[in-house]
Structure formats: C-alpha cells, structure tokens
Amino acid sequence: MKHAAWRKSSYTGQEGGTCVELADLNTSIGVRDSTDPHGPVLHFGRNAVASLVSRIKSGELDR
C-alpha cells in the first residue's frame, strides 16, 4: 500500500480546529480526526463515500 496522503477540507481555517481528514487507502477511503492523526481510522467503501458526497452536494441532507 502506498503512503496515505491525508487531506483536510479547503474550508478548514489556518488554526486547524476540529475536522476530519480523508485519504485514499487503495481499497477504501480512510477518515480520521485531524486532531488525533495517530488515532483510529474509519474505512469506507468508495461507493459509499461517493454517494454521501453526492447527497451533500445536492442539498438532500440539509435541514
């Protein structure tokens, strides 16, 4: 497996704050807490992440 390149949202400020980071882990997408980079990583299938992003962009999940 290649070295994971973790990315934060472009909306994250310079101070950091609490947010999540995503990484391409070859067979899955990794999600972790940006304030705990050595902590646990959640693994999600690519289709699940693509579906979530699509629903967010469409506004389907807005309240």
PDB file of N, CA and C in Angstrom:
ATOM      1  N   MET A   1       0.849  -1.191   0.000  1.00  0.00           N
ATOM      2  CA  MET A   1       0.000   0.000   0.000  1.00  0.00           C
ATOM      3  C   MET A   1       0.881   1.236   0.000  1.00  0.00           C
ATOM      4  N   LYS A   2       0.492   2.224  -0.778  1.00  0.00           N
ATOM      5  CA  LYS A   2       1.237   3.476  -0.803  1.00  0.00           C
ATOM      6  C   LYS A   2       1.023   4.247   0.488  1.00  0.00           C
ATOM      7  N   HIS A   3       1.909   5.205   0.745  1.00  0.00           N
ATOM      8  CA  HIS A   3       1.777   6.062   1.918  1.00  0.00           C
ATOM      9  C   HIS A   3       0.519   6.915   1.770  1.00  0.00           C
ATOM     10  N   ALA A   4      -0.311   6.934   2.780  1.00  0.00           N
ATOM     11  CA  ALA A   4      -1.568   7.680   2.722  1.00  0.00           C
ATOM     12  C   ALA A   4      -1.298   9.180   2.729  1.00  0.00           C
ATOM     13  N   ALA A   5      -1.915   9.893   1.810  1.00  0.00           N
ATOM     14  CA  ALA A   5      -1.837  11.349   1.750  1.00  0.00           C
ATOM     15  C   ALA A   5      -3.144  11.891   2.316  1.00  0.00           C
ATOM     16  N   TRP A   6      -3.125  12.296   3.573  1.00  0.00           N
ATOM     17  CA  TRP A   6      -4.322  12.779   4.245  1.00  0.00           C
ATOM     18  C   TRP A   6      -4.616  14.210   3.820  1.00  0.00           C
ATOM     19  N   ARG A   7      -5.914  14.504   3.589  1.00  0.00           N
ATOM     20  CA  ARG A   7      -6.331  15.834   3.142  1.00  0.00           C
ATOM     21  C   ARG A   7      -7.461  16.352   4.014  1.00  0.00           C
ATOM     22  N   LYS A   8      -7.374  17.642   4.326  1.00  0.00           N
ATOM     23  CA  LYS A   8      -8.443  18.331   5.048  1.00  0.00           C
ATOM     24  C   LYS A   8      -9.278  19.119   4.059  1.00  0.00           C
ATOM     25  N   SER A   9     -10.449  19.492   4.476  1.00  0.00           N
ATOM     26  CA  SER A   9     -11.316  20.326   3.663  1.00  0.00           C
ATOM     27  C   SER A   9     -10.648  21.668   3.397  1.00  0.00           C
ATOM     28  N   SER A  10     -10.923  22.244   2.243  1.00  0.00           N
ATOM     29  CA  SER A  10     -10.411  23.578   1.926  1.00  0.00           C
ATOM     30  C   SER A  10     -11.071  24.634   2.807  1.00  0.00           C
ATOM     31  N   TYR A  11     -12.144  24.265   3.501  1.00  0.00           N
ATOM     32  CA  TYR A  11     -12.823  25.194   4.400  1.00  0.00           C
ATOM     33  C   TYR A  11     -12.188  25.236   5.785  1.00  0.00           C
ATOM     34  N   THR A  12     -11.199  24.383   6.041  1.00  0.00           N
ATOM     35  CA  THR A  12     -10.517  24.375   7.319  1.00  0.00           C
ATOM     36  C   THR A  12      -9.660  25.619   7.425  1.00  0.00           C
ATOM     37  N   GLY A  13      -9.782  26.334   8.533  1.00  0.00           N
ATOM     38  CA  GLY A  13      -9.003  27.555   8.728  1.00  0.00           C
ATOM     39  C   GLY A  13      -7.554  27.262   9.072  1.00  0.00           C
ATOM     40  N   GLN A  14      -6.751  28.296   9.126  1.00  0.00           N
ATOM     41  CA  GLN A  14      -5.336  28.163   9.456  1.00  0.00           C
ATOM     42  C   GLN A  14      -5.121  27.622  10.867  1.00  0.00           C
ATOM     43  N   GLU A  15      -6.055  27.896  11.772  1.00  0.00           N
ATOM     44  CA  GLU A  15      -5.938  27.436  13.155  1.00  0.00           C
ATOM     45  C   GLU A  15      -6.149  25.935  13.287  1.00  0.00           C
ATOM     46  N   GLY A  16      -6.645  25.315  12.257  1.00  0.00           N
ATOM     47  CA  GLY A  16      -6.920  23.881  12.313  1.00  0.00           C
ATOM     48  C   GLY A  16      -8.329  23.626  12.795  1.00  0.00           C
ATOM     49  N   GLY A  17      -8.504  23.546  14.094  1.00  0.00           N
ATOM     50  CA  GLY A  17      -9.830  23.264  14.622  1.00  0.00           C
ATOM     51  C   GLY A  17     -10.154  21.791  14.522  1.00  0.00           C
ATOM     52  N   THR A  18     -11.367  21.465  14.823  1.00  0.00           N
ATOM     53  CA  THR A  18     -11.776  20.067  14.766  1.00  0.00           C
ATOM     54  C   THR A  18     -12.414  19.778  13.421  1.00  0.00           C
ATOM     55  N   CYS A  19     -11.795  18.916  12.694  1.00  0.00           N
ATOM     56  CA  CYS A  19     -12.350  18.499  11.411  1.00  0.00           C
ATOM     57  C   CYS A  19     -11.854  17.100  11.108  1.00  0.00           C
ATOM     58  N   VAL A  20     -12.312  16.566  10.020  1.00  0.00           N
ATOM     59  CA  VAL A  20     -11.872  15.235   9.621  1.00  0.00           C
ATOM     60  C   VAL A  20     -10.925  15.346   8.443  1.00  0.00           C
ATOM     61  N   GLU A  21     -10.140  14.300   8.254  1.00  0.00           N
ATOM     62  CA  GLU A  21      -9.254  14.198   7.111  1.00  0.00           C
ATOM     63  C   GLU A  21      -9.617  12.930   6.351  1.00  0.00           C
ATOM     64  N   LEU A  22      -9.432  12.962   5.045  1.00  0.00           N
ATOM     65  CA  LEU A  22      -9.701  11.813   4.184  1.00  0.00           C
ATOM     66  C   LEU A  22      -8.427  11.403   3.479  1.00  0.00           C
ATOM     67  N   ALA A  23      -8.315  10.100   3.195  1.00  0.00           N
ATOM     68  CA  ALA A  23      -7.169   9.591   2.435  1.00  0.00           C
ATOM     69  C   ALA A  23      -7.604   8.429   1.564  1.00  0.00           C
ATOM     70  N   ASP A  24      -6.985   8.330   0.398  1.00  0.00           N
ATOM     71  CA  ASP A  24      -7.183   7.195  -0.498  1.00  0.00           C
ATOM     72  C   ASP A  24      -6.319   6.055   0.025  1.00  0.00           C
ATOM     73  N   LEU A  25      -6.953   4.981   0.464  1.00  0.00           N
ATOM     74  CA  LEU A  25      -6.232   3.830   1.026  1.00  0.00           C
ATOM     75  C   LEU A  25      -6.276   2.649   0.070  1.00  0.00           C
ATOM     76  N   ASN A  26      -6.305   2.921  -1.197  1.00  0.00           N
ATOM     77  CA  ASN A  26      -6.365   1.923  -2.271  1.00  0.00           C
ATOM     78  C   ASN A  26      -7.713   1.232  -2.355  1.00  0.00           C
ATOM     79  N   THR A  27      -8.056   0.380  -1.412  1.00  0.00           N
ATOM     80  CA  THR A  27      -9.312  -0.362  -1.494  1.00  0.00           C
ATOM     81  C   THR A  27     -10.451   0.314  -0.739  1.00  0.00           C
ATOM     82  N   SER A  28     -10.151   1.385  -0.018  1.00  0.00           N
ATOM     83  CA  SER A  28     -11.171   2.102   0.734  1.00  0.00           C
ATOM     84  C   SER A  28     -10.751   3.558   0.899  1.00  0.00           C
ATOM     85  N   ILE A  29     -11.651   4.347   1.468  1.00  0.00           N
ATOM     86  CA  ILE A  29     -11.356   5.728   1.825  1.00  0.00           C
ATOM     87  C   ILE A  29     -11.240   5.774   3.341  1.00  0.00           C
ATOM     88  N   GLY A  30     -10.138   6.314   3.826  1.00  0.00           N
ATOM     89  CA  GLY A  30      -9.922   6.433   5.266  1.00  0.00           C
ATOM     90  C   GLY A  30     -10.404   7.779   5.765  1.00  0.00           C
ATOM     91  N   VAL A  31     -10.979   7.783   6.951  1.00  0.00           N
ATOM     92  CA  VAL A  31     -11.453   9.000   7.602  1.00  0.00           C
ATOM     93  C   VAL A  31     -10.898   9.001   9.017  1.00  0.00           C
ATOM     94  N   ARG A  32     -10.293  10.126   9.407  1.00  0.00           N
ATOM     95  CA  ARG A  32      -9.759  10.224  10.771  1.00  0.00           C
ATOM     96  C   ARG A  32      -9.968  11.625  11.315  1.00  0.00           C
ATOM     97  N   ASP A  33      -9.838  11.753  12.616  1.00  0.00           N
ATOM     98  CA  ASP A  33      -9.936  13.020  13.331  1.00  0.00           C
ATOM     99  C   ASP A  33      -8.631  13.777  13.123  1.00  0.00           C
ATOM    100  N   SER A  34      -8.708  14.989  12.624  1.00  0.00           N
ATOM    101  CA  SER A  34      -7.495  15.757  12.343  1.00  0.00           C
ATOM    102  C   SER A  34      -6.715  16.111  13.605  1.00  0.00           C
ATOM    103  N   THR A  35      -7.383  16.122  14.755  1.00  0.00           N
ATOM    104  CA  THR A  35      -6.684  16.456  15.997  1.00  0.00           C
ATOM    105  C   THR A  35      -6.002  15.240  16.620  1.00  0.00           C
ATOM    106  N   ASP A  36      -6.225  14.054  16.050  1.00  0.00           N
ATOM    107  CA  ASP A  36      -5.622  12.823  16.566  1.00  0.00           C
ATOM    108  C   ASP A  36      -5.114  11.973  15.394  1.00  0.00           C
ATOM    109  N   PRO A  37      -4.064  12.440  14.703  1.00  0.00           N
ATOM    110  CA  PRO A  37      -3.615  11.745  13.496  1.00  0.00           C
ATOM    111  C   PRO A  37      -3.091  10.335  13.724  1.00  0.00           C
ATOM    112  N   HIS A  38      -2.785   9.985  14.960  1.00  0.00           N
ATOM    113  CA  HIS A  38      -2.310   8.628  15.250  1.00  0.00           C
ATOM    114  C   HIS A  38      -3.412   7.762  15.849  1.00  0.00           C
ATOM    115  N   GLY A  39      -4.617   8.321  15.911  1.00  0.00           N
ATOM    116  CA  GLY A  39      -5.750   7.599  16.470  1.00  0.00           C
ATOM    117  C   GLY A  39      -6.390   6.676  15.449  1.00  0.00           C
ATOM    118  N   PRO A  40      -7.586   6.219  15.747  1.00  0.00           N
ATOM    119  CA  PRO A  40      -8.260   5.256  14.871  1.00  0.00           C
ATOM    120  C   PRO A  40      -8.639   5.851  13.516  1.00  0.00           C
ATOM    121  N   VAL A  41      -8.729   4.983  12.533  1.00  0.00           N
ATOM    122  CA  VAL A  41      -9.132   5.357  11.174  1.00  0.00           C
ATOM    123  C   VAL A  41     -10.362   4.537  10.811  1.00  0.00           C
ATOM    124  N   LEU A  42     -11.388   5.209  10.329  1.00  0.00           N
ATOM    125  CA  LEU A  42     -12.571   4.525   9.809  1.00  0.00           C
ATOM    126  C   LEU A  42     -12.351   4.271   8.331  1.00  0.00           C
ATOM    127  N   HIS A  43     -12.774   3.120   7.844  1.00  0.00           N
ATOM    128  CA  HIS A  43     -12.632   2.749   6.437  1.00  0.00           C
ATOM    129  C   HIS A  43     -14.023   2.631   5.815  1.00  0.00           C
ATOM    130  N   PHE A  44     -14.220   3.315   4.690  1.00  0.00           N
ATOM    131  CA  PHE A  44     -15.488   3.279   3.977  1.00  0.00           C
ATOM    132  C   PHE A  44     -15.236   2.910   2.526  1.00  0.00           C
ATOM    133  N   GLY A  45     -16.167   2.196   1.938  1.00  0.00           N
ATOM    134  CA  GLY A  45     -16.068   1.856   0.526  1.00  0.00           C
ATOM    135  C   GLY A  45     -16.176   3.104  -0.340  1.00  0.00           C
ATOM    136  N   ARG A  46     -15.558   3.051  -1.501  1.00  0.00           N
ATOM    137  CA  ARG A  46     -15.569   4.198  -2.416  1.00  0.00           C
ATOM    138  C   ARG A  46     -16.987   4.586  -2.822  1.00  0.00           C
ATOM    139  N   ASN A  47     -17.845   3.608  -3.086  1.00  0.00           N
ATOM    140  CA  ASN A  47     -19.218   3.907  -3.497  1.00  0.00           C
ATOM    141  C   ASN A  47     -19.990   4.609  -2.389  1.00  0.00           C
ATOM    142  N   ALA A  48     -19.766   4.205  -1.148  1.00  0.00           N
ATOM    143  CA  ALA A  48     -20.453   4.836  -0.021  1.00  0.00           C
ATOM    144  C   ALA A  48     -20.031   6.296   0.112  1.00  0.00           C
ATOM    145  N   VAL A  49     -18.750   6.562  -0.033  1.00  0.00           N
ATOM    146  CA  VAL A  49     -18.262   7.940   0.075  1.00  0.00           C
ATOM    147  C   VAL A  49     -18.777   8.773  -1.096  1.00  0.00           C
ATOM    148  N   ALA A  50     -18.751   8.229  -2.296  1.00  0.00           N
ATOM    149  CA  ALA A  50     -19.253   8.958  -3.466  1.00  0.00           C
ATOM    150  C   ALA A  50     -20.735   9.283  -3.310  1.00  0.00           C
ATOM    151  N   SER A  51     -21.505   8.343  -2.780  1.00  0.00           N
ATOM    152  CA  SER A  51     -22.927   8.568  -2.559  1.00  0.00           C
ATOM    153  C   SER A  51     -23.155   9.671  -1.525  1.00  0.00           C
ATOM    154  N   LEU A  52     -22.400   9.638  -0.438  1.00  0.00           N
ATOM    155  CA  LEU A  52     -22.530  10.673   0.596  1.00  0.00           C
ATOM    156  C   LEU A  52     -22.195  12.046   0.033  1.00  0.00           C
ATOM    157  N   VAL A  53     -21.102  12.157  -0.694  1.00  0.00           N
ATOM    158  CA  VAL A  53     -20.703  13.441  -1.276  1.00  0.00           C
ATOM    159  C   VAL A  53     -21.780  13.950  -2.237  1.00  0.00           C
ATOM    160  N   SER A  54     -22.323  13.072  -3.030  1.00  0.00           N
ATOM    161  CA  SER A  54     -23.385  13.450  -3.959  1.00  0.00           C
ATOM    162  C   SER A  54     -24.611  13.978  -3.216  1.00  0.00           C
ATOM    163  N   ARG A  55     -24.997  13.298  -2.150  1.00  0.00           N
ATOM    164  CA  ARG A  55     -26.161  13.722  -1.364  1.00  0.00           C
ATOM    165  C   ARG A  55     -25.906  15.065  -0.684  1.00  0.00           C
ATOM    166  N   ILE A  56     -24.679  15.280  -0.212  1.00  0.00           N
ATOM    167  CA  ILE A  56     -24.332  16.563   0.415  1.00  0.00           C
ATOM    168  C   ILE A  56     -24.406  17.680  -0.620  1.00  0.00           C
ATOM    169  N   LYS A  57     -23.801  17.470  -1.777  1.00  0.00           N
ATOM    170  CA  LYS A  57     -23.781  18.493  -2.820  1.00  0.00           C
ATOM    171  C   LYS A  57     -25.175  18.822  -3.334  1.00  0.00           C
ATOM    172  N   SER A  58     -26.063  17.839  -3.365  1.00  0.00           N
ATOM    173  CA  SER A  58     -27.420  18.079  -3.865  1.00  0.00           C
ATOM    174  C   SER A  58     -28.297  18.805  -2.853  1.00  0.00           C
ATOM    175  N   GLY A  59     -27.848  18.875  -1.600  1.00  0.00           N
ATOM    176  CA  GLY A  59     -28.652  19.519  -0.558  1.00  0.00           C
ATOM    177  C   GLY A  59     -29.642  18.566   0.106  1.00  0.00           C
ATOM    178  N   GLU A  60     -29.608  17.317  -0.298  1.00  0.00           N
ATOM    179  CA  GLU A  60     -30.552  16.323   0.236  1.00  0.00           C
ATOM    180  C   GLU A  60     -30.478  16.209   1.753  1.00  0.00           C
ATOM    181  N   LEU A  61     -29.328  16.450   2.310  1.00  0.00           N
ATOM    182  CA  LEU A  61     -29.148  16.257   3.759  1.00  0.00           C
ATOM    183  C   LEU A  61     -29.285  17.557   4.553  1.00  0.00           C
ATOM    184  N   ASP A  62     -29.598  18.673   3.864  1.00  0.00           N
ATOM    185  CA  ASP A  62     -29.794  19.948   4.554  1.00  0.00           C
ATOM    186  C   ASP A  62     -31.051  19.876   5.411  1.00  0.00           C
ATOM    187  N   ARG A  63     -31.027  20.582   6.484  1.00  0.00           N
ATOM    188  CA  ARG A  63     -32.214  20.638   7.349  1.00  0.00           C
ATOM    189  C   ARG A  63     -32.904  21.947   7.196  1.00  0.00           C
TER     190      ARG A  63
END
